[in-house]
All heavy atoms as atom14 arrays in JSON, in Angstrom:
{
  "sequence": "ITLMALKVLGEQNSLPNTHNVICFYQPAPYFAAEGGYPTYC",
  "atom14_mask": [
    [1, 1, 1, 1, 1, 1, 1, 1, 0, 0, 0, 0, 0, 0],
    [1, 1, 1, 1, 1, 1, 1, 0, 0, 0, 0, 0, 0, 0],
    [1, 1, 1, 1, 1, 1, 1, 1, 0, 0, 0, 0, 0, 0],
    [1, 1, 1, 1, 1, 1, 1, 1, 0, 0, 0, 0, 0, 0],
    [1, 1, 1, 1, 1, 0, 0, 0, 0, 0, 0, 0, 0, 0],
    [1, 1, 1, 1, 1, 1, 1, 1, 0, 0, 0, 0, 0, 0],
    [1, 1, 1, 1, 1, 1, 1, 1, 1, 0, 0, 0, 0, 0],
    [1, 1, 1, 1, 1, 1, 1, 0, 0, 0, 0, 0, 0, 0],
    [1, 1, 1, 1, 1, 1, 1, 1, 0, 0, 0, 0, 0, 0],
    [1, 1, 1, 1, 0, 0, 0, 0, 0, 0, 0, 0, 0, 0],
    [1, 1, 1, 1, 1, 1, 1, 1, 1, 0, 0, 0, 0, 0],
    [1, 1, 1, 1, 1, 1, 1, 1, 1, 0, 0, 0, 0, 0],
    [1, 1, 1, 1, 1, 1, 1, 1, 0, 0, 0, 0, 0, 0],
    [1, 1, 1, 1, 1, 1, 0, 0, 0, 0, 0, 0, 0, 0],
    [1, 1, 1, 1, 1, 1, 1, 1, 0, 0, 0, 0, 0, 0],
    [1, 1, 1, 1, 1, 1, 1, 0, 0, 0, 0, 0, 0, 0],
    [1, 1, 1, 1, 1, 1, 1, 1, 0, 0, 0, 0, 0, 0],
    [1, 1, 1, 1, 1, 1, 1, 0, 0, 0, 0, 0, 0, 0],
    [1, 1, 1, 1, 1, 1, 1, 1, 1, 1, 0, 0, 0, 0],
    [1, 1, 1, 1, 1, 1, 1, 1, 0, 0, 0, 0, 0, 0],
    [1, 1, 1, 1, 1, 1, 1, 0, 0, 0, 0, 0, 0, 0],
    [1, 1, 1, 1, 1, 1, 1, 1, 0, 0, 0, 0, 0, 0],
    [1, 1, 1, 1, 1, 1, 0, 0, 0, 0, 0, 0, 0, 0],
    [1, 1, 1, 1, 1, 1, 1, 1, 1, 1, 1, 0, 0, 0],
    [1, 1, 1, 1, 1, 1, 1, 1, 1, 1, 1, 1, 0, 0],
    [1, 1, 1, 1, 1, 1, 1, 1, 1, 0, 0, 0, 0, 0],
    [1, 1, 1, 1, 1, 1, 1, 0, 0, 0, 0, 0, 0, 0],
    [1, 1, 1, 1, 1, 0, 0, 0, 0, 0, 0, 0, 0, 0],
    [1, 1, 1, 1, 1, 1, 1, 0, 0, 0, 0, 0, 0, 0],
    [1, 1, 1, 1, 1, 1, 1, 1, 1, 1, 1, 1, 0, 0],
    [1, 1, 1, 1, 1, 1, 1, 1, 1, 1, 1, 0, 0, 0],
    [1, 1, 1, 1, 1, 0, 0, 0, 0, 0, 0, 0, 0, 0],
    [1, 1, 1, 1, 1, 0, 0, 0, 0, 0, 0, 0, 0, 0],
    [1, 1, 1, 1, 1, 1, 1, 1, 1, 0, 0, 0, 0, 0],
    [1, 1, 1, 1, 0, 0, 0, 0, 0, 0, 0, 0, 0, 0],
    [1, 1, 1, 1, 0, 0, 0, 0, 0, 0, 0, 0, 0, 0],
    [1, 1, 1, 1, 1, 1, 1, 1, 1, 1, 1, 1, 0, 0],
    [1, 1, 1, 1, 1, 1, 1, 0, 0, 0, 0, 0, 0, 0],
    [1, 1, 1, 1, 1, 1, 1, 0, 0, 0, 0, 0, 0, 0],
    [1, 1, 1, 1, 1, 1, 1, 1, 1, 1, 1, 1, 0, 0],
    [1, 1, 1, 1, 1, 1, 0, 0, 0, 0, 0, 0, 0, 0]
  ],
  "atom14_positions": [
    [[12.13, -38.32, 13.22], [12.94, -37.39, 14.01], [12.52, -37.57, 15.52], [13.54, -37.6, 16.4], [12.7, -35.92, 13.61], [13.09, -35.74, 12.1], [13.39, -34.96, 14.46], [12.75, -34.36, 11.53], [0.0, 0.0, 0.0], [0.0, 0.0, 0.0], [0.0, 0.0, 0.0], [0.0, 0.0, 0.0], [0.0, 0.0, 0.0], [0.0, 0.0, 0.0]],
    [[11.31, -37.79, 15.85], [10.92, -37.97, 17.19], [11.59, -39.26, 17.76], [12.05, -39.26, 18.92], [9.38, -38.12, 17.31], [8.81, -36.97, 16.8], [8.89, -38.29, 18.74], [0.0, 0.0, 0.0], [0.0, 0.0, 0.0], [0.0, 0.0, 0.0], [0.0, 0.0, 0.0], [0.0, 0.0, 0.0], [0.0, 0.0, 0.0], [0.0, 0.0, 0.0]],
    [[11.49, -40.28, 16.99], [12.05, -41.58, 17.5], [13.56, -41.43, 17.65], [14.19, -42.03, 18.63], [11.69, -42.72, 16.61], [10.24, -43.04, 16.64], [9.94, -44.18, 15.5], [9.85, -43.64, 17.96], [0.0, 0.0, 0.0], [0.0, 0.0, 0.0], [0.0, 0.0, 0.0], [0.0, 0.0, 0.0], [0.0, 0.0, 0.0], [0.0, 0.0, 0.0]],
    [[14.19, -40.7, 16.75], [15.65, -40.46, 16.89], [15.94, -39.68, 18.21], [16.92, -40.0, 18.85], [16.23, -39.68, 15.68], [16.35, -40.52, 14.43], [17.06, -39.53, 13.05], [18.69, -39.33, 13.64], [0.0, 0.0, 0.0], [0.0, 0.0, 0.0], [0.0, 0.0, 0.0], [0.0, 0.0, 0.0], [0.0, 0.0, 0.0], [0.0, 0.0, 0.0]],
    [[15.13, -38.74, 18.5], [15.29, -37.98, 19.78], [15.15, -38.84, 21.02], [15.91, -38.72, 21.96], [14.26, -36.82, 19.83], [0.0, 0.0, 0.0], [0.0, 0.0, 0.0], [0.0, 0.0, 0.0], [0.0, 0.0, 0.0], [0.0, 0.0, 0.0], [0.0, 0.0, 0.0], [0.0, 0.0, 0.0], [0.0, 0.0, 0.0], [0.0, 0.0, 0.0]],
    [[14.15, -39.74, 20.94], [14.01, -40.68, 22.08], [15.2, -41.57, 22.19], [15.59, -41.94, 23.24], [12.7, -41.48, 21.8], [11.44, -40.71, 22.07], [10.21, -41.63, 21.58], [11.23, -40.26, 23.44], [0.0, 0.0, 0.0], [0.0, 0.0, 0.0], [0.0, 0.0, 0.0], [0.0, 0.0, 0.0], [0.0, 0.0, 0.0], [0.0, 0.0, 0.0]],
    [[15.73, -42.03, 21.04], [16.86, -42.87, 21.1], [18.12, -42.12, 21.69], [18.79, -42.78, 22.5], [17.23, -43.32, 19.66], [18.43, -44.3, 19.57], [18.77, -44.69, 18.15], [20.01, -45.54, 18.12], [20.46, -45.82, 16.7], [0.0, 0.0, 0.0], [0.0, 0.0, 0.0], [0.0, 0.0, 0.0], [0.0, 0.0, 0.0], [0.0, 0.0, 0.0]],
    [[18.29, -40.9, 21.4], [19.34, -40.11, 21.97], [19.18, -39.99, 23.45], [20.11, -40.19, 24.23], [19.39, -38.71, 21.29], [20.18, -37.76, 22.14], [19.88, -38.7, 19.85], [0.0, 0.0, 0.0], [0.0, 0.0, 0.0], [0.0, 0.0, 0.0], [0.0, 0.0, 0.0], [0.0, 0.0, 0.0], [0.0, 0.0, 0.0], [0.0, 0.0, 0.0]],
    [[17.97, -39.8, 23.93], [17.66, -39.77, 25.4], [18.04, -41.13, 26.08], [18.57, -41.17, 27.08], [16.2, -39.43, 25.62], [15.87, -37.93, 25.35], [14.4, -37.71, 25.6], [16.67, -37.0, 26.23], [0.0, 0.0, 0.0], [0.0, 0.0, 0.0], [0.0, 0.0, 0.0], [0.0, 0.0, 0.0], [0.0, 0.0, 0.0], [0.0, 0.0, 0.0]],
    [[17.72, -42.12, 25.3], [18.04, -43.46, 25.87], [19.48, -43.74, 25.96], [20.01, -44.26, 26.9], [0.0, 0.0, 0.0], [0.0, 0.0, 0.0], [0.0, 0.0, 0.0], [0.0, 0.0, 0.0], [0.0, 0.0, 0.0], [0.0, 0.0, 0.0], [0.0, 0.0, 0.0], [0.0, 0.0, 0.0], [0.0, 0.0, 0.0], [0.0, 0.0, 0.0]],
    [[20.19, -43.27, 24.93], [21.67, -43.35, 24.99], [22.32, -42.55, 26.1], [23.35, -42.91, 26.6], [22.35, -42.93, 23.57], [21.94, -43.95, 22.45], [22.31, -43.41, 21.1], [22.59, -42.22, 20.96], [22.27, -44.19, 20.06], [0.0, 0.0, 0.0], [0.0, 0.0, 0.0], [0.0, 0.0, 0.0], [0.0, 0.0, 0.0], [0.0, 0.0, 0.0]],
    [[21.67, -41.52, 26.51], [22.16, -40.66, 27.5], [21.6, -41.06, 28.93], [21.74, -40.34, 29.83], [21.78, -39.22, 27.23], [22.51, -38.67, 25.98], [21.95, -37.3, 25.64], [21.02, -36.73, 26.32], [22.41, -36.65, 24.53], [0.0, 0.0, 0.0], [0.0, 0.0, 0.0], [0.0, 0.0, 0.0], [0.0, 0.0, 0.0], [0.0, 0.0, 0.0]],
    [[20.95, -42.28, 28.95], [20.35, -42.77, 30.18], [19.31, -41.88, 30.67], [18.92, -41.96, 31.9], [21.4, -42.97, 31.32], [22.52, -44.09, 30.8], [22.08, -45.04, 30.23], [23.75, -43.79, 31.18], [0.0, 0.0, 0.0], [0.0, 0.0, 0.0], [0.0, 0.0, 0.0], [0.0, 0.0, 0.0], [0.0, 0.0, 0.0], [0.0, 0.0, 0.0]],
    [[18.66, -41.1, 29.84], [17.5, -40.37, 30.32], [16.27, -41.24, 30.23], [15.24, -40.9, 30.79], [17.22, -39.13, 29.45], [18.42, -38.21, 29.53], [0.0, 0.0, 0.0], [0.0, 0.0, 0.0], [0.0, 0.0, 0.0], [0.0, 0.0, 0.0], [0.0, 0.0, 0.0], [0.0, 0.0, 0.0], [0.0, 0.0, 0.0], [0.0, 0.0, 0.0]],
    [[16.32, -42.29, 29.36], [15.16, -43.27, 29.39], [15.66, -44.54, 29.86], [16.72, -45.08, 29.38], [14.72, -43.35, 27.9], [13.77, -42.33, 27.38], [13.5, -42.54, 25.9], [12.42, -42.35, 28.13], [0.0, 0.0, 0.0], [0.0, 0.0, 0.0], [0.0, 0.0, 0.0], [0.0, 0.0, 0.0], [0.0, 0.0, 0.0], [0.0, 0.0, 0.0]],
    [[14.98, -45.24, 30.65], [15.45, -46.66, 31.1], [15.48, -47.65, 29.86], [16.32, -48.53, 29.84], [14.44, -47.03, 32.15], [13.76, -45.79, 32.52], [13.72, -44.91, 31.41], [0.0, 0.0, 0.0], [0.0, 0.0, 0.0], [0.0, 0.0, 0.0], [0.0, 0.0, 0.0], [0.0, 0.0, 0.0], [0.0, 0.0, 0.0], [0.0, 0.0, 0.0]],
    [[14.53, -47.5, 28.99], [14.42, -48.5, 27.92], [13.73, -47.81, 26.8], [12.67, -47.21, 26.93], [13.63, -49.73, 28.41], [13.72, -50.89, 27.35], [14.0, -50.56, 26.16], [13.55, -52.12, 27.76], [0.0, 0.0, 0.0], [0.0, 0.0, 0.0], [0.0, 0.0, 0.0], [0.0, 0.0, 0.0], [0.0, 0.0, 0.0], [0.0, 0.0, 0.0]],
    [[14.32, -47.87, 25.56], [13.68, -47.16, 24.41], [12.92, -48.2, 23.49], [12.46, -47.74, 22.42], [14.73, -46.37, 23.61], [15.79, -47.21, 23.15], [15.29, -45.27, 24.39], [0.0, 0.0, 0.0], [0.0, 0.0, 0.0], [0.0, 0.0, 0.0], [0.0, 0.0, 0.0], [0.0, 0.0, 0.0], [0.0, 0.0, 0.0], [0.0, 0.0, 0.0]],
    [[12.85, -49.46, 23.86], [12.27, -50.43, 23.0], [10.71, -50.27, 23.22], [10.24, -50.18, 24.32], [12.73, -51.9, 23.39], [14.15, -52.05, 23.0], [14.63, -52.04, 21.78], [15.23, -52.36, 23.91], [16.02, -52.35, 21.84], [16.31, -52.37, 23.0], [0.0, 0.0, 0.0], [0.0, 0.0, 0.0], [0.0, 0.0, 0.0], [0.0, 0.0, 0.0]],
    [[10.01, -50.37, 22.15], [8.55, -50.35, 22.2], [7.95, -49.1, 22.95], [7.1, -49.29, 23.81], [7.91, -51.7, 22.76], [8.4, -52.86, 22.02], [8.48, -52.89, 20.76], [8.85, -53.92, 22.71], [0.0, 0.0, 0.0], [0.0, 0.0, 0.0], [0.0, 0.0, 0.0], [0.0, 0.0, 0.0], [0.0, 0.0, 0.0], [0.0, 0.0, 0.0]],
    [[8.56, -47.99, 22.71], [8.12, -46.75, 23.36], [6.95, -46.19, 22.57], [6.84, -46.11, 21.44], [9.3, -45.76, 23.42], [8.83, -44.45, 23.97], [10.48, -46.31, 24.27], [0.0, 0.0, 0.0], [0.0, 0.0, 0.0], [0.0, 0.0, 0.0], [0.0, 0.0, 0.0], [0.0, 0.0, 0.0], [0.0, 0.0, 0.0], [0.0, 0.0, 0.0]],
    [[5.97, -45.77, 23.44], [4.78, -45.1, 22.91], [4.75, -43.68, 23.43], [4.94, -43.45, 24.6], [3.49, -45.79, 23.36], [3.45, -47.24, 22.74], [2.22, -45.04, 22.82], [2.34, -48.03, 23.23], [0.0, 0.0, 0.0], [0.0, 0.0, 0.0], [0.0, 0.0, 0.0], [0.0, 0.0, 0.0], [0.0, 0.0, 0.0], [0.0, 0.0, 0.0]],
    [[4.62, -42.74, 22.48], [4.69, -41.28, 22.9], [3.35, -40.64, 22.7], [2.63, -40.95, 21.65], [5.7, -40.59, 22.11], [7.28, -41.43, 22.08], [0.0, 0.0, 0.0], [0.0, 0.0, 0.0], [0.0, 0.0, 0.0], [0.0, 0.0, 0.0], [0.0, 0.0, 0.0], [0.0, 0.0, 0.0], [0.0, 0.0, 0.0], [0.0, 0.0, 0.0]],
    [[2.98, -39.73, 23.5], [1.84, -38.91, 23.19], [1.93, -37.57, 23.93], [2.55, -37.44, 24.94], [0.46, -39.6, 23.69], [0.45, -40.05, 25.04], [-0.03, -39.26, 26.06], [0.98, -41.29, 25.46], [-0.14, -39.68, 27.36], [1.01, -41.74, 26.8], [0.4, -40.85, 27.72], [0.0, 0.0, 0.0], [0.0, 0.0, 0.0], [0.0, 0.0, 0.0]],
    [[1.27, -36.57, 23.4], [1.27, -35.28, 23.98], [0.45, -35.29, 25.26], [-0.73, -35.76, 25.26], [0.79, -34.19, 22.99], [0.7, -32.85, 23.48], [1.84, -32.0, 23.38], [-0.4, -32.32, 24.12], [1.81, -30.74, 23.8], [-0.46, -30.96, 24.58], [0.7, -30.23, 24.42], [0.7, -28.89, 24.87], [0.0, 0.0, 0.0], [0.0, 0.0, 0.0]],
    [[0.95, -34.71, 26.36], [0.17, -34.75, 27.6], [0.31, -33.46, 28.32], [1.3, -33.25, 29.03], [0.78, -35.89, 28.52], [0.03, -36.03, 29.86], [-1.44, -36.4, 29.66], [-1.77, -37.36, 29.05], [-2.34, -35.63, 30.24], [0.0, 0.0, 0.0], [0.0, 0.0, 0.0], [0.0, 0.0, 0.0], [0.0, 0.0, 0.0], [0.0, 0.0, 0.0]],
    [[-0.64, -32.55, 28.13], [-0.65, -31.29, 28.94], [-0.8, -31.69, 30.4], [-1.67, -32.42, 30.65], [-1.76, -30.52, 28.41], [-2.13, -31.13, 27.09], [-1.68, -32.62, 27.17], [0.0, 0.0, 0.0], [0.0, 0.0, 0.0], [0.0, 0.0, 0.0], [0.0, 0.0, 0.0], [0.0, 0.0, 0.0], [0.0, 0.0, 0.0], [0.0, 0.0, 0.0]],
    [[0.04, -31.23, 31.31], [-0.04, -31.61, 32.66], [-0.18, -30.43, 33.56], [0.08, -29.28, 33.18], [1.29, -32.36, 33.01], [0.0, 0.0, 0.0], [0.0, 0.0, 0.0], [0.0, 0.0, 0.0], [0.0, 0.0, 0.0], [0.0, 0.0, 0.0], [0.0, 0.0, 0.0], [0.0, 0.0, 0.0], [0.0, 0.0, 0.0], [0.0, 0.0, 0.0]],
    [[-0.59, -30.61, 34.87], [-0.74, -29.58, 35.8], [0.53, -28.85, 36.02], [0.5, -27.66, 36.28], [-1.25, -30.29, 37.0], [-1.85, -31.54, 36.6], [-1.02, -31.92, 35.36], [0.0, 0.0, 0.0], [0.0, 0.0, 0.0], [0.0, 0.0, 0.0], [0.0, 0.0, 0.0], [0.0, 0.0, 0.0], [0.0, 0.0, 0.0], [0.0, 0.0, 0.0]],
    [[1.71, -29.52, 35.85], [2.97, -28.89, 36.12], [3.48, -28.16, 34.91], [4.64, -27.71, 34.85], [3.98, -29.87, 36.63], [3.98, -31.18, 35.84], [4.52, -31.32, 34.56], [3.36, -32.31, 36.38], [4.43, -32.43, 33.89], [3.37, -33.5, 35.65], [3.81, -33.6, 34.54], [3.73, -34.76, 33.79], [0.0, 0.0, 0.0], [0.0, 0.0, 0.0]],
    [[2.65, -27.99, 33.84], [3.09, -27.37, 32.64], [3.6, -26.0, 32.87], [4.76, -25.64, 32.42], [1.83, -27.34, 31.67], [2.16, -26.58, 30.31], [2.65, -27.37, 29.28], [1.95, -25.37, 30.15], [2.92, -26.81, 28.07], [2.19, -24.69, 28.96], [2.67, -25.45, 27.91], [0.0, 0.0, 0.0], [0.0, 0.0, 0.0], [0.0, 0.0, 0.0]],
    [[2.93, -25.09, 33.5], [3.35, -23.77, 33.81], [4.55, -23.66, 34.74], [5.33, -22.93, 34.64], [2.17, -22.92, 34.36], [0.0, 0.0, 0.0], [0.0, 0.0, 0.0], [0.0, 0.0, 0.0], [0.0, 0.0, 0.0], [0.0, 0.0, 0.0], [0.0, 0.0, 0.0], [0.0, 0.0, 0.0], [0.0, 0.0, 0.0], [0.0, 0.0, 0.0]],
    [[4.53, -24.65, 35.75], [5.61, -24.64, 36.62], [6.96, -24.9, 36.1], [7.95, -24.63, 36.63], [5.25, -25.67, 37.79], [0.0, 0.0, 0.0], [0.0, 0.0, 0.0], [0.0, 0.0, 0.0], [0.0, 0.0, 0.0], [0.0, 0.0, 0.0], [0.0, 0.0, 0.0], [0.0, 0.0, 0.0], [0.0, 0.0, 0.0], [0.0, 0.0, 0.0]],
    [[6.88, -25.59, 34.88], [8.17, -26.0, 34.34], [8.57, -25.01, 33.19], [9.28, -25.34, 32.24], [8.02, -27.43, 33.74], [7.78, -28.49, 34.69], [8.98, -28.68, 35.57], [10.07, -28.2, 35.26], [8.81, -29.29, 36.65], [0.0, 0.0, 0.0], [0.0, 0.0, 0.0], [0.0, 0.0, 0.0], [0.0, 0.0, 0.0], [0.0, 0.0, 0.0]],
    [[8.08, -23.78, 33.29], [8.58, -22.76, 32.36], [7.72, -22.59, 31.11], [8.08, -21.96, 30.15], [0.0, 0.0, 0.0], [0.0, 0.0, 0.0], [0.0, 0.0, 0.0], [0.0, 0.0, 0.0], [0.0, 0.0, 0.0], [0.0, 0.0, 0.0], [0.0, 0.0, 0.0], [0.0, 0.0, 0.0], [0.0, 0.0, 0.0], [0.0, 0.0, 0.0]],
    [[6.57, -23.35, 31.12], [5.68, -23.24, 29.97], [6.12, -24.0, 28.77], [5.65, -23.77, 27.67], [0.0, 0.0, 0.0], [0.0, 0.0, 0.0], [0.0, 0.0, 0.0], [0.0, 0.0, 0.0], [0.0, 0.0, 0.0], [0.0, 0.0, 0.0], [0.0, 0.0, 0.0], [0.0, 0.0, 0.0], [0.0, 0.0, 0.0], [0.0, 0.0, 0.0]],
    [[7.11, -24.94, 28.95], [7.44, -25.79, 27.76], [6.38, -26.79, 27.49], [5.72, -27.34, 28.46], [8.81, -26.53, 28.07], [9.98, -25.62, 28.26], [11.1, -26.28, 28.72], [9.86, -24.31, 28.22], [12.25, -25.42, 29.01], [10.92, -23.51, 28.52], [12.18, -24.08, 28.92], [13.3, -23.32, 29.19], [0.0, 0.0, 0.0], [0.0, 0.0, 0.0]],
    [[6.28, -27.24, 26.22], [5.39, -28.45, 25.96], [5.86, -29.66, 26.78], [7.06, -29.79, 26.95], [5.49, -28.73, 24.54], [5.98, -27.37, 23.97], [6.79, -26.72, 25.05], [0.0, 0.0, 0.0], [0.0, 0.0, 0.0], [0.0, 0.0, 0.0], [0.0, 0.0, 0.0], [0.0, 0.0, 0.0], [0.0, 0.0, 0.0], [0.0, 0.0, 0.0]],
    [[5.01, -30.41, 27.24], [5.36, -31.55, 28.17], [4.91, -32.83, 27.44], [3.74, -32.91, 26.95], [4.72, -31.46, 29.54], [4.98, -30.14, 30.08], [5.24, -32.56, 30.48], [0.0, 0.0, 0.0], [0.0, 0.0, 0.0], [0.0, 0.0, 0.0], [0.0, 0.0, 0.0], [0.0, 0.0, 0.0], [0.0, 0.0, 0.0], [0.0, 0.0, 0.0]],
    [[5.74, -33.89, 27.47], [5.31, -35.16, 26.84], [5.34, -36.22, 27.87], [6.26, -36.25, 28.83], [6.26, -35.51, 25.71], [6.32, -34.32, 24.76], [7.3, -33.39, 24.78], [5.28, -34.2, 23.84], [7.26, -32.31, 23.95], [5.27, -33.13, 22.95], [6.27, -32.15, 22.98], [6.23, -31.07, 22.17], [0.0, 0.0, 0.0], [0.0, 0.0, 0.0]],
    [[4.57, -37.22, 27.71], [4.51, -38.38, 28.57], [4.94, -39.57, 27.75], [4.38, -39.75, 26.63], [3.16, -38.6, 29.22], [3.14, -39.91, 30.34], [0.0, 0.0, 0.0], [0.0, 0.0, 0.0], [0.0, 0.0, 0.0], [0.0, 0.0, 0.0], [0.0, 0.0, 0.0], [0.0, 0.0, 0.0], [0.0, 0.0, 0.0], [0.0, 0.0, 0.0]]
  ]
}
């Protein structure tokens, strides 16, 4: 399901390239500033 979501983002030009994509959870300093949503890198 995660890879399908990334593919959708790629099709919408939200990702420059979806080939060989590696995903991991990344809590970031801007976590709270962005409304408290989980953030991914």
